[in-house]
N, C-alpha and C. Protein backbone atom coordinates (compact mmCIF):
# COMPACT_ATOMS: atom_id res chain seq x y z
N UNK A 1 111.27 80.76 118.82
CA UNK A 1 112.12 81.20 117.72
C UNK A 1 112.03 82.72 117.60
N UNK A 2 113.18 83.39 117.58
CA UNK A 2 113.20 84.86 117.60
C UNK A 2 112.96 85.41 116.21
N UNK A 3 111.94 86.23 116.09
CA UNK A 3 111.55 86.79 114.80
C UNK A 3 111.68 88.30 114.81
N UNK A 4 112.11 88.84 113.68
CA UNK A 4 112.15 90.27 113.44
C UNK A 4 111.35 90.55 112.17
N UNK A 5 111.16 91.81 111.86
CA UNK A 5 110.41 92.16 110.65
C UNK A 5 111.12 93.29 109.92
N UNK A 6 111.12 93.19 108.59
CA UNK A 6 111.61 94.26 107.73
C UNK A 6 110.43 94.70 106.87
N UNK A 7 110.05 95.96 107.02
CA UNK A 7 108.96 96.54 106.24
C UNK A 7 109.57 97.43 105.18
N UNK A 8 109.25 97.18 103.93
CA UNK A 8 109.84 97.91 102.83
C UNK A 8 109.04 99.17 102.53
N UNK A 9 109.70 100.31 102.69
CA UNK A 9 109.02 101.60 102.57
C UNK A 9 109.90 102.62 101.87
N UNK A 10 110.74 102.16 100.94
CA UNK A 10 111.71 103.07 100.32
C UNK A 10 111.40 103.44 98.89
N UNK A 11 110.18 103.18 98.42
CA UNK A 11 109.84 103.49 97.03
C UNK A 11 109.47 104.95 96.82
N UNK A 12 109.25 105.28 95.56
CA UNK A 12 108.94 106.67 95.19
C UNK A 12 107.44 106.95 95.15
N UNK A 13 106.60 105.94 95.21
CA UNK A 13 105.14 106.11 95.09
C UNK A 13 104.76 106.81 93.80
N UNK A 14 105.51 106.56 92.73
CA UNK A 14 105.31 107.31 91.49
C UNK A 14 103.95 107.05 90.85
N UNK A 15 103.47 105.82 90.92
CA UNK A 15 102.18 105.52 90.30
C UNK A 15 101.01 106.04 91.12
N UNK A 16 101.22 106.26 92.41
CA UNK A 16 100.16 106.80 93.26
C UNK A 16 100.12 108.32 93.17
N UNK A 17 101.24 108.95 92.78
CA UNK A 17 101.33 110.41 92.70
C UNK A 17 101.07 111.05 94.06
N UNK A 18 101.39 110.34 95.12
CA UNK A 18 101.25 110.82 96.49
C UNK A 18 102.03 109.85 97.37
N UNK A 19 102.28 110.25 98.61
CA UNK A 19 102.95 109.36 99.55
C UNK A 19 101.98 108.25 99.93
N UNK A 20 102.09 107.10 99.27
CA UNK A 20 101.07 106.07 99.48
C UNK A 20 101.11 105.48 100.87
N UNK A 21 102.27 105.53 101.54
CA UNK A 21 102.34 104.96 102.89
C UNK A 21 101.57 105.79 103.91
N UNK A 22 101.24 107.03 103.53
CA UNK A 22 100.42 107.87 104.41
C UNK A 22 98.93 107.66 104.18
N UNK A 23 98.56 106.92 103.13
CA UNK A 23 97.15 106.62 102.90
C UNK A 23 96.56 105.92 104.12
N UNK A 24 95.35 106.27 104.45
CA UNK A 24 94.72 105.72 105.64
C UNK A 24 93.55 104.81 105.30
N UNK A 25 93.47 103.72 106.04
CA UNK A 25 92.29 102.86 106.04
C UNK A 25 91.81 102.79 107.48
N UNK A 26 90.60 103.25 107.70
CA UNK A 26 90.08 103.26 109.06
C UNK A 26 90.86 104.16 110.00
N UNK A 27 91.39 105.26 109.47
CA UNK A 27 92.12 106.21 110.30
C UNK A 27 93.53 105.82 110.63
N UNK A 28 94.05 104.78 109.99
CA UNK A 28 95.40 104.29 110.27
C UNK A 28 96.17 104.20 108.96
N UNK A 29 97.35 104.80 108.89
CA UNK A 29 98.11 104.82 107.65
C UNK A 29 98.59 103.41 107.29
N UNK A 30 98.90 103.20 106.01
CA UNK A 30 99.38 101.90 105.57
C UNK A 30 100.65 101.50 106.31
N UNK A 31 101.55 102.45 106.51
CA UNK A 31 102.79 102.11 107.22
C UNK A 31 102.50 101.75 108.67
N UNK A 32 101.62 102.49 109.31
CA UNK A 32 101.24 102.17 110.68
C UNK A 32 100.59 100.79 110.77
N UNK A 33 99.76 100.47 109.80
CA UNK A 33 99.10 99.17 109.80
C UNK A 33 100.12 98.04 109.68
N UNK A 34 101.14 98.24 108.83
CA UNK A 34 102.18 97.23 108.68
C UNK A 34 102.99 97.08 109.97
N UNK A 35 103.31 98.20 110.59
CA UNK A 35 104.07 98.17 111.85
C UNK A 35 103.27 97.45 112.93
N UNK A 36 102.00 97.76 113.04
CA UNK A 36 101.17 97.14 114.07
C UNK A 36 101.04 95.63 113.84
N UNK A 37 100.91 95.24 112.58
CA UNK A 37 100.80 93.80 112.27
C UNK A 37 102.08 93.09 112.65
N UNK A 38 103.23 93.69 112.31
CA UNK A 38 104.51 93.08 112.63
C UNK A 38 104.77 93.05 114.13
N UNK A 39 104.32 94.09 114.82
CA UNK A 39 104.57 94.20 116.25
C UNK A 39 103.93 93.06 117.04
N UNK A 40 102.91 92.45 116.47
CA UNK A 40 102.23 91.36 117.16
C UNK A 40 103.04 90.08 117.16
N UNK A 41 104.03 89.97 116.26
CA UNK A 41 104.75 88.70 116.11
C UNK A 41 106.26 88.83 116.09
N UNK A 42 106.79 90.06 116.06
CA UNK A 42 108.22 90.23 115.83
C UNK A 42 108.79 91.43 116.57
N UNK A 43 110.07 91.33 116.89
CA UNK A 43 110.82 92.45 117.47
C UNK A 43 112.31 92.17 117.23
N UNK A 44 113.05 93.15 116.75
CA UNK A 44 112.61 94.50 116.41
C UNK A 44 111.90 94.57 115.07
N UNK A 45 111.31 95.74 114.83
CA UNK A 45 110.72 96.04 113.54
C UNK A 45 111.61 97.06 112.85
N UNK A 46 112.05 96.74 111.65
CA UNK A 46 112.89 97.64 110.88
C UNK A 46 112.11 98.12 109.66
N UNK A 47 112.02 99.42 109.49
CA UNK A 47 111.42 99.99 108.29
C UNK A 47 112.54 100.41 107.36
N UNK A 48 112.60 99.78 106.18
CA UNK A 48 113.64 100.09 105.21
C UNK A 48 113.17 101.25 104.35
N UNK A 49 113.58 102.44 104.75
CA UNK A 49 113.17 103.66 104.07
C UNK A 49 113.37 104.83 105.01
N UNK A 50 113.39 106.02 104.46
CA UNK A 50 113.56 107.21 105.29
C UNK A 50 112.34 107.42 106.18
N UNK A 51 112.56 107.91 107.38
CA UNK A 51 111.43 108.18 108.27
C UNK A 51 110.58 109.30 107.67
N UNK A 52 109.29 109.05 107.47
CA UNK A 52 108.43 110.09 106.91
C UNK A 52 108.31 111.27 107.88
N UNK A 53 108.19 112.47 107.35
CA UNK A 53 108.08 113.63 108.25
C UNK A 53 106.84 113.60 109.12
N UNK A 54 105.83 112.82 108.71
CA UNK A 54 104.61 112.76 109.49
C UNK A 54 104.66 111.68 110.56
N UNK A 55 105.71 110.88 110.58
CA UNK A 55 105.81 109.83 111.60
C UNK A 55 106.22 110.44 112.94
N UNK A 56 105.65 109.99 114.04
CA UNK A 56 106.00 110.57 115.34
C UNK A 56 107.46 110.33 115.69
N UNK A 57 108.04 111.24 116.44
CA UNK A 57 109.47 111.18 116.75
C UNK A 57 109.79 110.26 117.91
N UNK A 58 108.80 109.69 118.55
CA UNK A 58 109.04 108.79 119.68
C UNK A 58 108.33 107.47 119.40
N UNK A 59 109.13 106.41 119.19
CA UNK A 59 108.57 105.09 118.93
C UNK A 59 109.68 104.05 119.04
N UNK A 60 109.96 103.53 120.24
CA UNK A 60 111.09 102.64 120.44
C UNK A 60 110.94 101.28 119.79
N UNK A 61 109.77 100.97 119.26
CA UNK A 61 109.60 99.66 118.63
C UNK A 61 110.10 99.63 117.20
N UNK A 62 110.41 100.78 116.60
CA UNK A 62 110.71 100.85 115.17
C UNK A 62 112.09 101.45 114.93
N UNK A 63 112.84 100.81 114.04
CA UNK A 63 114.13 101.33 113.58
C UNK A 63 113.97 101.67 112.10
N UNK A 64 114.33 102.88 111.70
CA UNK A 64 114.34 103.27 110.30
C UNK A 64 115.76 103.19 109.77
N UNK A 65 115.93 102.59 108.61
CA UNK A 65 117.25 102.49 107.99
C UNK A 65 117.08 102.66 106.48
N UNK A 66 117.89 103.52 105.89
CA UNK A 66 117.79 103.80 104.46
C UNK A 66 118.93 103.14 103.71
N UNK A 67 118.62 102.52 102.57
CA UNK A 67 119.69 102.04 101.72
C UNK A 67 120.45 103.24 101.15
N UNK A 68 121.72 103.06 100.90
CA UNK A 68 122.55 104.16 100.44
C UNK A 68 123.24 103.78 99.13
N UNK A 69 122.92 104.45 98.01
CA UNK A 69 121.95 105.54 97.89
C UNK A 69 120.52 105.02 97.94
N UNK A 70 119.56 105.93 98.16
CA UNK A 70 118.16 105.49 98.26
C UNK A 70 117.59 105.07 96.92
N UNK A 71 116.39 104.52 96.97
CA UNK A 71 115.64 104.09 95.80
C UNK A 71 116.38 103.00 95.02
N UNK A 72 116.98 102.08 95.75
CA UNK A 72 117.71 100.98 95.12
C UNK A 72 116.87 99.75 94.86
N UNK A 73 115.57 99.81 95.20
CA UNK A 73 114.70 98.67 94.98
C UNK A 73 114.51 97.84 96.23
N UNK A 74 113.57 96.90 96.19
CA UNK A 74 113.24 96.13 97.39
C UNK A 74 114.38 95.25 97.91
N UNK A 75 115.21 94.70 97.01
CA UNK A 75 116.32 93.87 97.49
C UNK A 75 117.31 94.72 98.28
N UNK A 76 117.57 95.93 97.81
CA UNK A 76 118.44 96.84 98.56
C UNK A 76 117.81 97.18 99.90
N UNK A 77 116.49 97.31 99.94
CA UNK A 77 115.81 97.56 101.20
C UNK A 77 115.91 96.40 102.15
N UNK A 78 115.76 95.18 101.62
CA UNK A 78 115.91 93.99 102.47
C UNK A 78 117.32 93.93 103.04
N UNK A 79 118.32 94.20 102.20
CA UNK A 79 119.71 94.18 102.66
C UNK A 79 119.94 95.22 103.75
N UNK A 80 119.39 96.41 103.56
CA UNK A 80 119.54 97.47 104.57
C UNK A 80 118.88 97.05 105.87
N UNK A 81 117.70 96.45 105.77
CA UNK A 81 117.01 96.01 106.98
C UNK A 81 117.77 94.94 107.73
N UNK A 82 118.28 93.96 107.00
CA UNK A 82 119.03 92.88 107.64
C UNK A 82 120.32 93.39 108.28
N UNK A 83 120.86 94.48 107.74
CA UNK A 83 122.15 94.99 108.25
C UNK A 83 122.07 95.47 109.69
N UNK A 84 120.87 95.76 110.18
CA UNK A 84 120.75 96.23 111.57
C UNK A 84 120.14 95.17 112.48
N UNK A 85 119.94 93.97 111.97
CA UNK A 85 119.43 92.87 112.79
C UNK A 85 120.59 92.01 113.28
N UNK A 86 120.56 91.64 114.53
CA UNK A 86 121.63 90.84 115.11
C UNK A 86 121.55 89.38 114.73
N UNK A 87 122.62 88.65 115.06
CA UNK A 87 122.69 87.23 114.73
C UNK A 87 121.67 86.40 115.49
N UNK A 88 121.09 86.96 116.55
CA UNK A 88 120.09 86.22 117.32
C UNK A 88 118.76 86.09 116.58
N UNK A 89 118.57 86.90 115.53
CA UNK A 89 117.34 86.81 114.74
C UNK A 89 117.33 85.52 113.94
N UNK A 90 116.31 84.72 114.14
CA UNK A 90 116.22 83.43 113.44
C UNK A 90 115.28 83.48 112.24
N UNK A 91 114.22 84.28 112.36
CA UNK A 91 113.24 84.39 111.27
C UNK A 91 112.99 85.87 110.99
N UNK A 92 112.71 86.17 109.72
CA UNK A 92 112.47 87.56 109.33
C UNK A 92 111.19 87.64 108.50
N UNK A 93 110.23 88.40 108.98
CA UNK A 93 109.09 88.75 108.16
C UNK A 93 109.51 89.85 107.19
N UNK A 94 109.24 89.69 105.92
CA UNK A 94 109.49 90.73 104.93
C UNK A 94 108.13 91.14 104.39
N UNK A 95 107.78 92.40 104.62
CA UNK A 95 106.46 92.89 104.27
C UNK A 95 106.56 94.16 103.44
N UNK A 96 105.81 94.23 102.35
CA UNK A 96 105.69 95.49 101.62
C UNK A 96 104.95 96.49 102.50
N UNK A 97 105.39 97.72 102.46
CA UNK A 97 104.75 98.74 103.29
C UNK A 97 103.37 99.14 102.81
N UNK A 98 103.04 98.79 101.56
CA UNK A 98 101.77 99.21 101.00
C UNK A 98 100.73 98.10 100.96
N UNK A 99 100.91 97.06 101.76
CA UNK A 99 99.90 96.01 101.82
C UNK A 99 98.57 96.56 102.34
N UNK A 100 97.49 96.13 101.71
CA UNK A 100 96.19 96.62 102.15
C UNK A 100 95.77 96.00 103.47
N UNK A 101 96.19 94.75 103.71
CA UNK A 101 95.79 94.06 104.94
C UNK A 101 96.98 93.30 105.52
N UNK A 102 97.97 94.00 106.05
CA UNK A 102 99.15 93.32 106.57
C UNK A 102 98.86 92.37 107.73
N UNK A 103 97.84 92.65 108.52
CA UNK A 103 97.51 91.77 109.63
C UNK A 103 97.08 90.39 109.10
N UNK A 104 96.32 90.37 108.01
CA UNK A 104 95.92 89.10 107.42
C UNK A 104 97.12 88.36 106.84
N UNK A 105 98.05 89.10 106.27
CA UNK A 105 99.27 88.49 105.73
C UNK A 105 100.06 87.82 106.84
N UNK A 106 100.28 88.54 107.93
CA UNK A 106 101.04 88.00 109.05
C UNK A 106 100.34 86.79 109.65
N UNK A 107 99.03 86.87 109.78
CA UNK A 107 98.28 85.74 110.34
C UNK A 107 98.44 84.50 109.47
N UNK A 108 98.34 84.67 108.15
CA UNK A 108 98.48 83.53 107.24
C UNK A 108 99.87 82.92 107.32
N UNK A 109 100.89 83.76 107.39
CA UNK A 109 102.26 83.27 107.41
C UNK A 109 102.58 82.50 108.69
N UNK A 110 101.96 82.89 109.78
CA UNK A 110 102.28 82.26 111.07
C UNK A 110 101.43 81.04 111.36
N UNK A 111 100.45 80.76 110.53
CA UNK A 111 99.55 79.64 110.79
C UNK A 111 99.97 78.36 110.08
N UNK A 112 101.04 78.40 109.29
CA UNK A 112 101.45 77.22 108.54
C UNK A 112 102.91 76.90 108.82
N UNK A 113 103.29 75.68 108.52
CA UNK A 113 104.69 75.28 108.65
C UNK A 113 105.45 75.76 107.42
N UNK A 114 106.57 76.41 107.65
CA UNK A 114 107.36 76.96 106.54
C UNK A 114 108.13 75.86 105.82
N UNK A 115 108.60 76.19 104.62
CA UNK A 115 109.53 75.30 103.94
C UNK A 115 110.90 75.40 104.58
N UNK A 116 111.91 74.80 103.97
CA UNK A 116 113.25 74.82 104.55
C UNK A 116 113.73 76.23 104.82
N UNK A 117 113.44 77.15 103.90
CA UNK A 117 113.95 78.51 104.00
C UNK A 117 112.86 79.55 104.23
N UNK A 118 111.61 79.11 104.36
CA UNK A 118 110.56 80.07 104.64
C UNK A 118 109.27 79.77 103.91
N UNK A 119 108.34 80.71 104.02
CA UNK A 119 107.03 80.58 103.38
C UNK A 119 106.62 81.93 102.82
N UNK A 120 106.00 81.92 101.64
CA UNK A 120 105.49 83.15 101.03
C UNK A 120 104.06 82.92 100.59
N UNK A 121 103.28 83.99 100.56
CA UNK A 121 101.93 83.88 100.05
C UNK A 121 101.96 83.85 98.52
N UNK A 122 100.94 83.27 97.96
CA UNK A 122 100.81 83.13 96.51
C UNK A 122 99.49 83.74 96.09
N UNK A 123 99.52 84.58 95.03
CA UNK A 123 98.29 85.25 94.62
C UNK A 123 97.41 84.32 93.78
N UNK A 124 96.29 84.84 93.34
CA UNK A 124 95.31 84.03 92.62
C UNK A 124 95.83 83.52 91.29
N UNK A 125 96.83 84.20 90.73
CA UNK A 125 97.43 83.78 89.47
C UNK A 125 98.58 82.80 89.67
N UNK A 126 98.86 82.46 90.92
CA UNK A 126 99.94 81.52 91.20
C UNK A 126 101.31 82.15 91.33
N UNK A 127 101.37 83.49 91.40
CA UNK A 127 102.66 84.16 91.54
C UNK A 127 103.04 84.29 93.01
N UNK A 128 104.27 83.93 93.36
CA UNK A 128 104.70 84.09 94.75
C UNK A 128 104.84 85.56 95.10
N UNK A 129 104.34 85.92 96.25
CA UNK A 129 104.43 87.29 96.73
C UNK A 129 105.56 87.37 97.76
N UNK A 130 106.76 87.60 97.24
CA UNK A 130 107.95 87.53 98.09
C UNK A 130 107.97 88.63 99.16
N UNK A 131 107.23 89.70 98.94
CA UNK A 131 107.18 90.77 99.93
C UNK A 131 106.00 90.59 100.88
N UNK A 132 105.55 89.36 100.96
CA UNK A 132 104.59 88.92 101.97
C UNK A 132 105.06 87.55 102.41
N UNK A 133 106.24 87.54 103.05
CA UNK A 133 106.88 86.28 103.37
C UNK A 133 107.53 86.24 104.73
N UNK A 134 107.83 85.03 105.17
CA UNK A 134 108.54 84.78 106.42
C UNK A 134 109.73 83.89 106.09
N UNK A 135 110.94 84.36 106.40
CA UNK A 135 112.16 83.72 105.91
C UNK A 135 113.08 83.29 107.05
N UNK A 136 113.81 82.21 106.81
CA UNK A 136 114.92 81.85 107.68
C UNK A 136 116.00 82.92 107.50
N UNK A 137 116.42 83.54 108.58
CA UNK A 137 117.33 84.67 108.49
C UNK A 137 118.69 84.28 107.90
N UNK A 138 119.20 83.12 108.30
CA UNK A 138 120.50 82.68 107.78
C UNK A 138 120.42 82.44 106.28
N UNK A 139 119.35 81.80 105.83
CA UNK A 139 119.18 81.52 104.41
C UNK A 139 119.03 82.81 103.61
N UNK A 140 118.30 83.77 104.15
CA UNK A 140 118.10 85.04 103.45
C UNK A 140 119.41 85.81 103.35
N UNK A 141 120.19 85.82 104.43
CA UNK A 141 121.50 86.49 104.37
C UNK A 141 122.40 85.81 103.34
N UNK A 142 122.37 84.48 103.29
CA UNK A 142 123.20 83.75 102.33
C UNK A 142 122.79 84.07 100.90
N UNK A 143 121.49 84.18 100.65
CA UNK A 143 121.02 84.52 99.32
C UNK A 143 121.49 85.91 98.91
N UNK A 144 121.45 86.85 99.84
CA UNK A 144 121.95 88.19 99.55
C UNK A 144 123.45 88.17 99.26
N UNK A 145 124.20 87.44 100.06
CA UNK A 145 125.64 87.34 99.85
C UNK A 145 125.95 86.73 98.48
N UNK A 146 125.13 85.79 98.07
CA UNK A 146 125.35 85.15 96.78
C UNK A 146 125.13 86.07 95.60
N UNK A 147 124.30 87.10 95.79
CA UNK A 147 124.07 88.05 94.70
C UNK A 147 125.28 88.94 94.46
N UNK A 148 125.97 89.30 95.53
CA UNK A 148 127.11 90.19 95.40
C UNK A 148 126.73 91.65 95.37
N UNK A 149 125.58 91.99 94.82
CA UNK A 149 125.09 93.36 94.75
C UNK A 149 123.59 93.34 94.98
N UNK A 150 123.08 94.33 95.70
CA UNK A 150 121.66 94.34 96.03
C UNK A 150 120.89 95.41 95.27
N UNK A 151 121.56 96.42 94.79
CA UNK A 151 120.86 97.54 94.15
C UNK A 151 120.34 97.14 92.78
N UNK A 152 119.07 97.51 92.52
CA UNK A 152 118.43 97.28 91.22
C UNK A 152 118.44 95.81 90.81
N UNK A 153 118.32 94.92 91.79
CA UNK A 153 118.23 93.49 91.53
C UNK A 153 116.78 93.06 91.78
N UNK A 154 116.26 92.15 90.98
CA UNK A 154 114.89 91.71 91.16
C UNK A 154 114.76 90.83 92.40
N UNK A 155 113.60 90.91 93.04
CA UNK A 155 113.34 90.07 94.20
C UNK A 155 113.35 88.60 93.79
N UNK A 156 112.88 88.32 92.60
CA UNK A 156 112.87 86.93 92.12
C UNK A 156 114.28 86.37 92.05
N UNK A 157 115.24 87.20 91.63
CA UNK A 157 116.63 86.74 91.58
C UNK A 157 117.16 86.44 92.97
N UNK A 158 116.79 87.26 93.94
CA UNK A 158 117.23 87.03 95.31
C UNK A 158 116.69 85.71 95.85
N UNK A 159 115.43 85.43 95.57
CA UNK A 159 114.76 84.27 96.17
C UNK A 159 114.97 82.97 95.38
N UNK A 160 115.63 83.04 94.24
CA UNK A 160 115.71 81.89 93.34
C UNK A 160 116.33 80.66 93.98
N UNK A 161 117.26 80.86 94.90
CA UNK A 161 117.97 79.72 95.48
C UNK A 161 117.33 79.21 96.77
N UNK A 162 116.27 79.86 97.23
CA UNK A 162 115.65 79.49 98.50
C UNK A 162 114.57 78.43 98.31
N UNK A 163 114.50 77.51 99.26
CA UNK A 163 113.45 76.48 99.26
C UNK A 163 112.28 77.01 100.09
N UNK A 164 111.29 77.55 99.40
CA UNK A 164 110.18 78.23 100.06
C UNK A 164 108.88 77.48 99.85
N UNK A 165 108.08 77.44 100.91
CA UNK A 165 106.71 76.95 100.76
C UNK A 165 105.86 78.09 100.23
N UNK A 166 104.99 77.79 99.28
CA UNK A 166 104.10 78.79 98.72
C UNK A 166 102.68 78.50 99.18
N UNK A 167 102.07 79.50 99.80
CA UNK A 167 100.75 79.32 100.41
C UNK A 167 99.72 80.12 99.62
N UNK A 168 98.81 79.46 98.88
CA UNK A 168 97.77 80.19 98.16
C UNK A 168 96.94 81.03 99.13
N UNK A 169 96.65 82.26 98.72
CA UNK A 169 95.93 83.17 99.59
C UNK A 169 94.86 83.92 98.81
N UNK A 170 93.85 84.35 99.50
CA UNK A 170 92.79 85.16 98.92
C UNK A 170 93.39 86.44 98.34
N UNK A 171 92.96 86.87 97.15
CA UNK A 171 93.49 88.11 96.57
C UNK A 171 93.35 89.32 97.48
N UNK A 172 92.34 89.34 98.32
CA UNK A 172 92.17 90.46 99.23
C UNK A 172 93.27 90.49 100.29
N UNK A 173 93.91 89.35 100.52
CA UNK A 173 95.01 89.29 101.49
C UNK A 173 96.31 89.76 100.87
N UNK A 174 96.55 89.36 99.62
CA UNK A 174 97.85 89.64 99.01
C UNK A 174 97.93 91.00 98.32
N UNK A 175 96.83 91.69 98.14
CA UNK A 175 96.86 92.92 97.35
C UNK A 175 97.66 94.01 98.04
N UNK A 176 98.31 94.82 97.19
CA UNK A 176 98.97 96.03 97.66
C UNK A 176 98.38 97.21 96.89
N UNK A 177 98.74 98.41 97.32
CA UNK A 177 98.14 99.61 96.77
C UNK A 177 99.19 100.40 96.01
N UNK A 178 99.13 100.34 94.69
CA UNK A 178 100.11 101.03 93.85
C UNK A 178 99.54 102.24 93.12
N UNK A 179 98.24 102.23 92.86
CA UNK A 179 97.62 103.27 92.04
C UNK A 179 96.42 103.87 92.76
N UNK A 180 95.95 105.03 92.30
CA UNK A 180 94.74 105.60 92.90
C UNK A 180 93.54 104.67 92.82
N UNK A 181 93.44 103.88 91.75
CA UNK A 181 92.34 102.92 91.66
C UNK A 181 92.45 101.85 92.74
N UNK A 182 93.69 101.37 92.98
CA UNK A 182 93.90 100.40 94.05
C UNK A 182 93.44 100.98 95.39
N UNK A 183 93.83 102.24 95.63
CA UNK A 183 93.46 102.88 96.90
C UNK A 183 91.95 103.00 97.03
N UNK A 184 91.30 103.38 95.94
CA UNK A 184 89.85 103.55 95.98
C UNK A 184 89.17 102.23 96.28
N UNK A 185 89.62 101.16 95.63
CA UNK A 185 89.01 99.84 95.85
C UNK A 185 89.17 99.37 97.29
N UNK A 186 90.29 99.75 97.92
CA UNK A 186 90.56 99.33 99.29
C UNK A 186 89.95 100.27 100.32
N UNK A 187 89.34 101.35 99.86
CA UNK A 187 88.78 102.32 100.79
C UNK A 187 89.83 103.17 101.47
N UNK A 188 90.99 103.32 100.83
CA UNK A 188 92.08 104.11 101.40
C UNK A 188 92.01 105.54 100.90
N UNK A 189 92.41 106.46 101.74
CA UNK A 189 92.41 107.87 101.35
C UNK A 189 93.51 108.60 102.07
N UNK A 190 93.93 109.73 101.48
CA UNK A 190 94.94 110.55 102.14
C UNK A 190 94.34 111.20 103.38
N UNK A 191 95.13 111.36 104.44
CA UNK A 191 94.61 112.00 105.66
C UNK A 191 94.39 113.48 105.41
N UNK A 192 93.56 114.12 106.21
CA UNK A 192 93.35 115.56 106.06
C UNK A 192 94.63 116.33 106.34
N UNK A 193 94.80 117.45 105.66
CA UNK A 193 95.99 118.27 105.83
C UNK A 193 95.76 119.32 106.92
N UNK A 194 96.85 119.70 107.58
CA UNK A 194 96.78 120.82 108.51
C UNK A 194 96.73 122.12 107.72
N UNK A 195 96.51 123.21 108.40
CA UNK A 195 96.46 124.52 107.75
C UNK A 195 97.77 124.83 107.06
N UNK A 196 98.91 124.37 107.63
CA UNK A 196 100.21 124.66 107.05
C UNK A 196 100.55 123.72 105.89
N UNK A 197 99.62 122.84 105.51
CA UNK A 197 99.85 121.96 104.38
C UNK A 197 100.54 120.66 104.73
N UNK A 198 100.85 120.44 106.01
CA UNK A 198 101.54 119.23 106.43
C UNK A 198 100.53 118.16 106.83
N UNK A 199 101.00 116.91 106.81
CA UNK A 199 100.18 115.83 107.34
C UNK A 199 100.18 115.89 108.85
N UNK A 200 99.14 115.42 109.51
CA UNK A 200 98.98 115.64 110.95
C UNK A 200 99.93 114.86 111.83
N UNK A 201 100.55 113.78 111.35
CA UNK A 201 101.53 113.08 112.17
C UNK A 201 100.94 112.37 113.37
N UNK A 202 99.72 111.90 113.27
CA UNK A 202 99.10 111.21 114.38
C UNK A 202 99.31 109.71 114.24
N UNK A 203 99.08 108.99 115.29
CA UNK A 203 99.23 107.53 115.29
C UNK A 203 97.88 106.87 115.52
N UNK A 204 97.72 105.70 114.96
CA UNK A 204 96.49 104.95 115.19
C UNK A 204 96.67 103.98 116.34
N UNK A 205 97.88 103.86 116.87
CA UNK A 205 98.16 102.96 117.98
C UNK A 205 98.92 103.69 119.06
N UNK A 206 99.32 102.99 120.11
CA UNK A 206 100.05 103.64 121.20
C UNK A 206 101.37 104.19 120.75
N UNK A 207 101.74 105.35 121.29
CA UNK A 207 103.01 105.94 120.95
C UNK A 207 104.15 105.12 121.55
N UNK A 208 105.18 105.19 120.94
CA UNK A 208 106.31 104.54 121.53
C UNK A 208 107.52 105.32 121.20
N UNK A 209 111.08 104.98 120.62
CA UNK A 209 111.70 106.08 119.93
C UNK A 209 112.06 105.61 118.59
N UNK A 210 111.94 106.45 117.71
CA UNK A 210 112.36 106.05 116.38
C UNK A 210 113.85 106.30 116.27
N UNK A 211 114.57 105.30 115.78
CA UNK A 211 116.00 105.42 115.59
C UNK A 211 116.25 105.53 114.11
N UNK A 212 116.86 106.62 113.66
CA UNK A 212 117.17 106.79 112.24
C UNK A 212 118.60 106.37 112.01
N UNK A 213 118.81 105.40 111.14
CA UNK A 213 120.14 104.89 110.83
C UNK A 213 120.40 105.04 109.35
N UNK A 214 121.63 105.23 108.99
CA UNK A 214 122.04 105.24 107.59
C UNK A 214 122.98 104.08 107.38
N UNK A 215 122.63 103.20 106.47
CA UNK A 215 123.48 102.05 106.21
C UNK A 215 124.62 102.44 105.32
């Protein structure tokens, strides 16, 4: 079954007061960690958000696509990501870019049988984590079409019509990093700055071209 991945990276990071996707755990940025986790199970990988200036300019495994206008919320990001995936895609991983442990999320999603329209992780409070999910591509496209508009729509509204299996998961698997306290608890930190004040733009994995698209 052909799988692709959409990584949501179009937020403002307002609560972090810094570019949270550049935060590093073990020398690898959150965005890089999400890309590496997705790369193990899916192709292509679409990042819904503008390419960060610190991301390397050569990486053929990743497509960047921005919703237009930007900052339209995660549903707009999902729609932008799906817009560049072909009809051959049967399943779509949808992952928040700020997951603390995306590899664990992907492993959990791929180890169980999905519901009719997919499977999502469930946190300790019983809330479905829709941005840690694996979806039937046709069903997800149909749900988007049924909304009529994607900007500033809640993810819960998008998923309301889908028959999803909910998989209880350890809180350490489902957590994301929204605040400085979240980052501290996860052992995440901003990378060192160059003399010119820029981020170093290094990769924690093998280099590969980035395609920048505007939807």
